[in-house]
Amino acid sequence: MTADGLVAKIQQRYTLEDVRNDKVETVSVVALDDLERVLQGAVAEARAEAEAELQELKMQLANLEDRQQEGGGGGLEAAAAEAALEAEARALERAQEAEGKLAEAERRIHELEGKLAEATAEDPRVRELEARVAELEQELAKAREAAEEGSDDEPVTDDDRRRARRVAMAFLEEVFSDDEEKSNQAIKDGKAREVFADELKEAHRRYVKRVRAAVRAEEDYWEQALEECLQREW
């Protein structure tokens, strides 16, 4: 398809009023982006054809020059040179024309995108759907958080307590078992809390995220596990 044909396909056939009356449906901007890529491909193809034509004419000119040298005809050389210049000018003109059509197509695409955005913004149904989506996203986030941590309204059970101890000990063991020699020396010097301050802070953050507030408020399982770790040899 030529560039003219491609540009013709994006000419406006409906008005904004047609969209509001549901006579036509608005289209995704992605389709317009695809069209722009097709147009650019058409321009590149036209330019390649022009360059190929120019290359062929240059080869013909070279052949004519060879013949002129063999026959000694000065008029033939001048005619060939003039023909090559004309061909080059035509090729450049075709490339410039194709680029101009691409620029016009881009302008129309941007115009259509603006009208599409305007139609979407003015439709109250779109605004209602956007508000509803935002509400659902908030509800989903709360549901995920509740599923991970559990509800603080639920009573604390023995399973909750055992789980809190296991989680605290697991995170603390990660801290001290990573470098056992360093851990043992820090514990021996009584400086384990200072030496591993950053690691303990991150481990405690993870512990708080995994154990719900009601369980943590009942008893400090984290501190109990930490004291136990400081009495061990790693």
Protein backbone atom coordinates (compact mmCIF):
# COMPACT_ATOMS: atom_id res chain seq x y z
CA MET A 1 0.00 0.00 0.00
CA THR A 2 1.28 3.46 -0.87
CA ALA A 3 1.75 6.27 1.63
CA ASP A 4 -1.28 8.05 0.07
CA GLY A 5 -3.43 5.02 0.72
CA LEU A 6 -2.27 4.72 4.28
CA VAL A 7 -2.92 8.37 5.02
CA ALA A 8 -6.39 8.08 3.51
CA LYS A 9 -7.27 5.28 5.93
CA ILE A 10 -6.87 7.54 8.98
CA GLN A 11 -9.02 10.39 7.68
CA GLN A 12 -11.85 11.17 10.12
CA ARG A 13 -15.19 9.71 9.11
CA TYR A 14 -17.11 10.23 12.36
CA THR A 15 -17.56 13.11 14.76
CA LEU A 16 -17.33 13.28 18.55
CA GLU A 17 -21.13 13.38 18.64
CA ASP A 18 -21.19 9.95 16.96
CA VAL A 19 -19.06 8.60 19.81
CA ARG A 20 -21.32 10.10 22.49
CA ASN A 21 -24.41 8.64 20.82
CA ASP A 22 -22.78 5.18 20.75
CA LYS A 23 -22.94 5.19 16.97
CA VAL A 24 -19.30 4.17 16.92
CA GLU A 25 -16.91 2.94 19.57
CA THR A 26 -13.71 4.69 20.52
CA VAL A 27 -10.55 2.82 19.54
CA SER A 28 -7.37 2.17 21.42
CA VAL A 29 -4.45 4.53 20.86
CA VAL A 30 -2.34 1.42 20.37
CA ALA A 31 -3.93 1.00 16.95
CA LEU A 32 -2.84 4.51 16.03
CA ASP A 33 0.69 3.74 17.14
CA ASP A 34 0.63 0.65 14.93
CA LEU A 35 -0.55 2.78 12.03
CA GLU A 36 2.30 5.22 12.59
CA ARG A 37 4.79 2.35 12.41
CA VAL A 38 3.22 1.17 9.15
CA LEU A 39 3.51 4.67 7.71
CA GLN A 40 7.15 4.88 8.68
CA GLY A 41 7.71 1.52 7.02
CA ALA A 42 6.05 2.78 3.83
CA VAL A 43 8.30 5.84 3.79
CA ALA A 44 11.38 3.68 4.32
CA GLU A 45 10.26 1.40 1.49
CA ALA A 46 9.74 4.36 -0.86
CA ARG A 47 13.16 5.75 0.02
CA ALA A 48 14.77 2.34 -0.57
CA GLU A 49 13.11 2.07 -4.00
CA ALA A 50 14.33 5.54 -4.92
CA GLU A 51 17.86 4.72 -3.81
CA ALA A 52 17.79 1.47 -5.79
CA GLU A 53 16.62 3.34 -8.88
CA LEU A 54 19.39 5.88 -8.42
CA GLN A 55 21.98 3.13 -8.02
CA GLU A 56 20.79 1.47 -11.21
CA LEU A 57 21.04 4.75 -13.13
CA LYS A 58 24.55 5.29 -11.81
CA MET A 59 25.51 1.86 -13.10
CA GLN A 60 24.03 2.74 -16.49
CA LEU A 61 26.01 5.97 -16.46
CA ALA A 62 29.20 4.06 -15.70
CA ASN A 63 28.52 1.75 -18.63
CA LEU A 64 27.91 4.73 -20.90
CA GLU A 65 31.17 6.34 -19.76
CA ASP A 66 33.03 3.13 -20.56
CA ARG A 67 31.51 3.09 -24.02
CA GLN A 68 32.30 6.78 -24.51
CA GLN A 69 35.95 6.20 -23.65
CA GLU A 70 36.04 3.38 -26.14
CA GLY A 71 34.27 5.39 -28.88
CA GLY A 72 35.49 8.90 -28.01
CA GLY A 73 32.03 10.55 -28.13
CA GLY A 74 31.79 13.65 -25.89
CA GLY A 75 28.07 14.18 -26.52
CA LEU A 76 27.19 10.80 -25.11
CA GLU A 77 29.01 11.56 -21.84
CA ALA A 78 27.15 14.83 -21.37
CA ALA A 79 23.78 13.21 -22.05
CA ALA A 80 24.47 10.43 -19.59
CA ALA A 81 25.56 12.86 -16.88
CA GLU A 82 22.44 14.94 -17.39
CA ALA A 83 20.24 11.84 -17.19
CA ALA A 84 21.91 10.77 -13.94
CA LEU A 85 21.38 14.19 -12.37
CA GLU A 86 17.72 14.18 -13.35
CA ALA A 87 17.26 10.71 -11.89
CA GLU A 88 18.92 11.72 -8.64
CA ALA A 89 16.69 14.79 -8.39
CA ARG A 90 13.59 12.65 -8.95
CA ALA A 91 14.69 10.19 -6.28
CA LEU A 92 15.26 12.95 -3.73
CA GLU A 93 11.92 14.51 -4.59
CA ARG A 94 10.13 11.22 -4.02
CA ALA A 95 11.85 10.74 -0.66
CA GLN A 96 10.93 14.27 0.45
CA GLU A 97 7.34 13.75 -0.66
CA ALA A 98 7.11 10.53 1.34
CA GLU A 99 8.51 12.26 4.44
CA GLY A 100 5.97 15.04 4.03
CA LYS A 101 3.13 12.54 3.91
CA LEU A 102 4.47 10.89 7.08
CA ALA A 103 4.51 14.25 8.88
CA GLU A 104 0.91 14.90 7.81
CA ALA A 105 -0.11 11.44 8.98
CA GLU A 106 1.53 12.02 12.36
CA ARG A 107 -0.33 15.31 12.72
CA ARG A 108 -3.64 13.60 12.05
CA ILE A 109 -2.81 10.80 14.46
CA HIS A 110 -2.12 13.29 17.26
CA GLU A 111 -5.37 15.06 16.42
CA LEU A 112 -7.32 11.80 16.65
CA GLU A 113 -5.61 10.91 19.94
CA GLY A 114 -6.65 14.26 21.40
CA LYS A 115 -10.27 13.77 20.34
CA LEU A 116 -10.27 10.25 21.75
CA ALA A 117 -8.96 11.48 25.11
CA GLU A 118 -11.55 14.26 25.12
CA ALA A 119 -14.38 11.85 24.43
CA THR A 120 -13.20 9.50 27.18
CA ALA A 121 -12.85 12.29 29.74
CA GLU A 122 -16.34 13.63 29.04
CA ASP A 123 -18.07 10.26 29.38
CA PRO A 124 -19.49 9.96 32.95
CA ARG A 125 -19.50 6.19 32.67
CA VAL A 126 -15.74 6.20 32.28
CA ARG A 127 -15.30 8.31 35.41
CA GLU A 128 -17.61 6.00 37.36
CA LEU A 129 -15.67 2.94 36.24
CA GLU A 130 -12.35 4.55 37.15
CA ALA A 131 -13.64 5.39 40.63
CA ARG A 132 -14.94 1.86 41.10
CA VAL A 133 -11.63 0.36 39.98
CA ALA A 134 -9.80 2.52 42.54
CA GLU A 135 -12.14 1.31 45.30
CA LEU A 136 -11.65 -2.32 44.31
CA GLU A 137 -7.88 -1.91 44.29
CA GLN A 138 -7.99 -0.54 47.84
CA GLU A 139 -10.23 -3.39 49.00
CA LEU A 140 -7.90 -5.92 47.36
CA ALA A 141 -4.86 -4.42 49.10
CA LYS A 142 -6.62 -4.63 52.47
CA ALA A 143 -7.69 -8.21 51.81
CA ARG A 144 -4.13 -9.23 50.94
CA GLU A 145 -2.78 -7.57 54.06
CA ALA A 146 -5.38 -9.29 56.22
CA ALA A 147 -4.61 -12.64 54.62
CA GLU A 148 -0.90 -12.26 55.33
CA GLU A 149 -1.13 -10.95 58.89
CA GLY A 150 -4.52 -12.13 60.14
CA SER A 151 -7.15 -9.98 61.81
CA ASP A 152 -6.35 -8.36 65.16
CA ASP A 153 -9.97 -8.92 66.15
CA GLU A 154 -9.37 -12.66 66.34
CA PRO A 155 -8.31 -14.12 69.73
CA VAL A 156 -4.67 -15.15 70.14
CA THR A 157 -4.27 -18.92 70.10
CA ASP A 158 -1.47 -21.27 71.09
CA ASP A 159 -0.78 -21.79 67.39
CA ASP A 160 -0.26 -18.02 67.04
CA ARG A 161 2.21 -18.02 69.93
CA ARG A 162 4.17 -21.00 68.60
CA ARG A 163 4.25 -19.46 65.16
CA ALA A 164 5.55 -16.15 66.55
CA ARG A 165 8.41 -17.96 68.32
CA ARG A 166 9.28 -19.94 65.18
CA VAL A 167 9.24 -16.86 62.96
CA ALA A 168 11.40 -14.84 65.36
CA MET A 169 13.94 -17.63 65.75
CA ALA A 170 14.10 -18.29 62.00
CA PHE A 171 14.88 -14.66 61.17
CA LEU A 172 17.44 -14.37 63.97
CA GLU A 173 19.19 -17.57 62.93
CA GLU A 174 19.61 -16.08 59.46
CA VAL A 175 21.42 -13.13 61.01
CA PHE A 176 23.85 -15.05 63.22
CA SER A 177 24.47 -18.14 61.07
CA ASP A 178 25.60 -16.15 58.04
CA ASP A 179 29.05 -15.57 59.62
CA GLU A 180 29.39 -17.86 62.63
CA GLU A 181 32.91 -16.75 63.56
CA LYS A 182 31.89 -13.09 63.56
CA SER A 183 28.73 -13.93 65.55
CA ASN A 184 30.60 -15.87 68.22
CA GLN A 185 33.18 -13.12 68.65
CA ALA A 186 30.51 -10.41 68.90
CA ILE A 187 28.56 -12.44 71.47
CA LYS A 188 31.73 -13.09 73.45
CA ASP A 189 32.51 -9.34 73.49
CA GLY A 190 28.93 -8.53 74.45
CA LYS A 191 28.49 -6.36 71.34
CA ALA A 192 26.27 -8.53 69.16
CA ARG A 193 23.39 -6.03 69.15
CA GLU A 194 25.74 -3.26 67.98
CA VAL A 195 27.68 -5.33 65.44
CA PHE A 196 24.52 -6.72 63.81
CA ALA A 197 22.35 -3.62 64.33
CA ASP A 198 21.34 -3.27 60.66
CA GLU A 199 20.71 -6.98 60.19
CA LEU A 200 18.64 -7.19 63.38
CA LYS A 201 16.60 -4.16 62.35
CA GLU A 202 15.74 -5.72 58.98
CA ALA A 203 14.95 -9.09 60.58
CA HIS A 204 12.65 -7.43 63.12
CA ARG A 205 10.84 -5.57 60.32
CA ARG A 206 10.13 -8.88 58.63
CA TYR A 207 9.01 -10.37 61.95
CA VAL A 208 6.52 -7.52 62.49
CA LYS A 209 5.16 -8.05 59.00
CA ARG A 210 4.62 -11.77 59.57
CA VAL A 211 3.20 -11.70 63.14
CA ARG A 212 0.02 -9.76 63.81
CA ALA A 213 -0.08 -6.97 66.37
CA ALA A 214 -2.30 -8.77 68.89
CA VAL A 215 0.23 -11.59 69.24
CA ARG A 216 3.18 -9.21 69.53
CA ALA A 217 1.35 -7.15 72.16
CA GLU A 218 0.69 -10.18 74.34
CA GLU A 219 4.35 -11.13 74.75
CA ASP A 220 7.72 -10.08 73.30
CA TYR A 221 8.60 -13.29 71.50
CA TRP A 222 11.23 -11.46 69.48
CA GLU A 223 13.25 -10.40 72.51
CA GLN A 224 12.96 -13.87 74.02
CA ALA A 225 14.34 -15.46 70.85
CA LEU A 226 17.12 -12.87 70.62
CA GLU A 227 18.24 -13.53 74.21
CA GLU A 228 18.29 -17.24 73.46
CA CYS A 229 20.45 -16.66 70.38
CA LEU A 230 22.90 -14.55 72.40
CA GLN A 231 23.44 -17.48 74.76
CA ARG A 232 24.31 -19.90 71.98
CA GLU A 233 27.54 -20.72 70.21
CA TRP A 234 27.24 -20.60 66.43
